[in-house]
Amino acid sequence: MSGEAVGAMPLSVDALSMPAPLTSAFVVPAGARLVVVSGLTAKDGDGKPVAPGDAEAQADHILGAIDGLLKAAGGSIDDVIKISVFISDRAHAAAVGRARARWFSRAPYPASTMVIAQLMSDDSLVEFEALAALPG
């Protein structure tokens, strides 16, 4: 559950009338450590593309990498409070959403944004950035 370890308080604005369980904002308590994860695409250890043509597999790979980075910092993907997702084509939104649902399966979900963007590599269909709140 996003930010639970530090007691991050999810906020939602009822006036937005969102059709799905979304989190509009988080309040991070004083003393928490913030971990900023830069934009990641699906690359292997040699910098070669992972799962060319498969947005869902690329998203799974990237979210696994984010989880690994956060574990190295003393947390996990459960500590993510904000994600930004960049997809190369609107057609990839559902596939990326399925991967995201597997990694973020309990509310409150991270506050999130999805943008259609031209990514740096033609092999990259998706890119994620993340912000996590870990105990101080």
Protein backbone atom coordinates (compact mmCIF):
# COMPACT_ATOMS: atom_id res chain seq x y z
CA MET A 1 0.00 0.00 0.00
CA SER A 2 1.49 3.31 -1.11
CA GLY A 3 3.35 5.19 1.59
CA GLU A 4 1.94 3.06 4.41
CA ALA A 5 5.33 2.49 6.06
CA VAL A 6 5.75 6.21 6.76
CA GLY A 7 2.12 7.01 7.43
CA ALA A 8 1.65 9.03 4.24
CA MET A 9 -1.92 10.26 4.22
CA PRO A 10 -3.76 9.86 0.89
CA LEU A 11 -6.08 12.67 -0.14
CA SER A 12 -8.84 12.57 -2.73
CA VAL A 13 -11.04 15.38 -3.89
CA ASP A 14 -14.63 14.16 -4.07
CA ALA A 15 -15.49 17.00 -6.44
CA LEU A 16 -13.30 15.37 -9.11
CA SER A 17 -15.82 12.48 -9.40
CA MET A 18 -13.16 10.06 -10.60
CA PRO A 19 -14.62 6.79 -11.97
CA ALA A 20 -11.93 4.54 -10.44
CA PRO A 21 -10.27 4.37 -7.00
CA LEU A 22 -7.58 6.99 -7.45
CA THR A 23 -5.43 9.00 -5.09
CA SER A 24 -5.17 12.68 -5.94
CA ALA A 25 -2.43 13.56 -3.46
CA PHE A 26 -0.37 12.34 -0.50
CA VAL A 27 0.78 14.23 2.57
CA VAL A 28 4.22 12.92 3.57
CA PRO A 29 5.03 13.33 7.27
CA ALA A 30 8.12 15.16 8.47
CA GLY A 31 11.14 12.91 8.83
CA ALA A 32 10.29 10.63 5.91
CA ARG A 33 13.00 10.02 3.30
CA LEU A 34 11.97 10.71 -0.26
CA VAL A 35 13.44 8.59 -3.02
CA VAL A 36 13.24 10.03 -6.53
CA VAL A 37 13.51 7.48 -9.34
CA SER A 38 14.37 9.00 -12.72
CA GLY A 39 12.72 7.92 -15.93
CA LEU A 40 13.41 4.24 -16.57
CA THR A 41 12.81 2.28 -19.75
CA ALA A 42 13.01 -1.48 -20.26
CA LYS A 43 16.72 -2.22 -20.73
CA ASP A 44 18.78 -5.20 -19.59
CA GLY A 45 22.12 -5.02 -17.78
CA ASP A 46 23.90 -4.41 -21.08
CA GLY A 47 21.57 -1.57 -22.06
CA LYS A 48 19.75 -3.68 -24.66
CA PRO A 49 15.97 -3.39 -25.04
CA VAL A 50 13.78 -5.81 -23.10
CA ALA A 51 10.59 -7.15 -24.73
CA PRO A 52 10.59 -5.09 -27.94
CA GLY A 53 7.02 -4.49 -29.10
CA ASP A 54 5.43 -5.61 -25.80
CA ALA A 55 4.36 -2.64 -23.67
CA GLU A 56 3.00 -4.81 -20.84
CA ALA A 57 6.24 -6.80 -20.50
CA GLN A 58 8.25 -3.57 -20.65
CA ALA A 59 6.11 -2.05 -17.89
CA ASP A 60 6.56 -5.18 -15.74
CA HIS A 61 10.32 -5.02 -16.24
CA ILE A 62 10.49 -1.33 -15.33
CA LEU A 63 8.29 -1.73 -12.24
CA GLY A 64 10.50 -4.61 -11.13
CA ALA A 65 13.53 -2.36 -11.54
CA ILE A 66 11.84 0.35 -9.48
CA ASP A 67 11.10 -2.22 -6.78
CA GLY A 68 14.77 -3.29 -6.84
CA LEU A 69 16.01 0.29 -6.52
CA LEU A 70 13.68 0.95 -3.61
CA LYS A 71 14.72 -2.29 -1.88
CA ALA A 72 18.33 -1.09 -2.15
CA ALA A 73 17.19 2.09 -0.37
CA GLY A 74 15.42 0.12 2.38
CA GLY A 75 11.89 0.14 0.99
CA SER A 76 9.86 -1.44 -1.80
CA ILE A 77 7.45 -0.56 -4.54
CA ASP A 78 4.76 -0.43 -1.83
CA ASP A 79 6.33 2.88 -0.74
CA VAL A 80 5.68 4.61 -4.08
CA ILE A 81 3.38 7.60 -3.65
CA LYS A 82 3.64 9.10 -7.17
CA ILE A 83 4.31 7.63 -10.60
CA SER A 84 4.55 9.30 -13.96
CA VAL A 85 4.08 7.03 -16.95
CA PHE A 86 5.07 7.97 -20.48
CA ILE A 87 3.78 5.81 -23.33
CA SER A 88 4.73 6.09 -26.98
CA ASP A 89 1.17 5.46 -28.20
CA ARG A 90 -2.31 5.58 -26.67
CA ALA A 91 -2.75 1.97 -27.82
CA HIS A 92 -0.34 0.88 -25.05
CA ALA A 93 -2.40 2.36 -22.18
CA ALA A 94 -4.41 -0.79 -21.36
CA ALA A 95 -1.35 -3.07 -21.43
CA VAL A 96 0.61 -0.73 -19.17
CA GLY A 97 -2.44 -0.47 -16.91
CA ARG A 98 -2.55 -4.25 -16.50
CA ALA A 99 1.09 -4.34 -15.41
CA ARG A 100 0.54 -1.42 -13.07
CA ALA A 101 -2.47 -3.17 -11.51
CA ARG A 102 -0.31 -6.21 -10.72
CA TRP A 103 2.34 -4.11 -8.96
CA PHE A 104 -0.05 -1.70 -7.21
CA SER A 105 -2.88 -3.98 -6.14
CA ARG A 106 -4.09 -2.32 -2.92
CA ALA A 107 -5.46 1.14 -2.21
CA PRO A 108 -4.35 3.75 -1.72
CA TYR A 109 -2.74 3.65 -5.13
CA PRO A 110 0.08 6.02 -6.05
CA ALA A 111 -0.97 9.38 -7.39
CA SER A 112 -0.27 9.04 -11.08
CA THR A 113 -0.06 10.66 -14.47
CA MET A 114 0.06 9.01 -17.89
CA VAL A 115 1.32 10.97 -20.89
CA ILE A 116 1.72 10.08 -24.54
CA ALA A 117 5.27 11.06 -25.47
CA GLN A 118 7.99 10.46 -28.01
CA LEU A 119 10.51 8.40 -26.06
CA MET A 120 14.27 8.47 -26.63
CA SER A 121 14.47 5.01 -28.23
CA ASP A 122 12.15 3.52 -30.83
CA ASP A 123 12.34 0.23 -28.87
CA SER A 124 10.93 1.91 -25.74
CA LEU A 125 7.15 1.84 -25.56
CA VAL A 126 6.89 2.94 -21.94
CA GLU A 127 8.89 4.88 -19.36
CA PHE A 128 8.22 5.29 -15.62
CA GLU A 129 9.35 7.85 -13.04
CA ALA A 130 8.55 7.31 -9.37
CA LEU A 131 8.59 9.09 -6.03
CA ALA A 132 8.62 6.99 -2.86
CA ALA A 133 8.37 7.90 0.82
CA LEU A 134 10.43 5.71 3.18
CA PRO A 135 10.72 5.79 6.96
CA GLY A 136 13.37 8.28 8.17
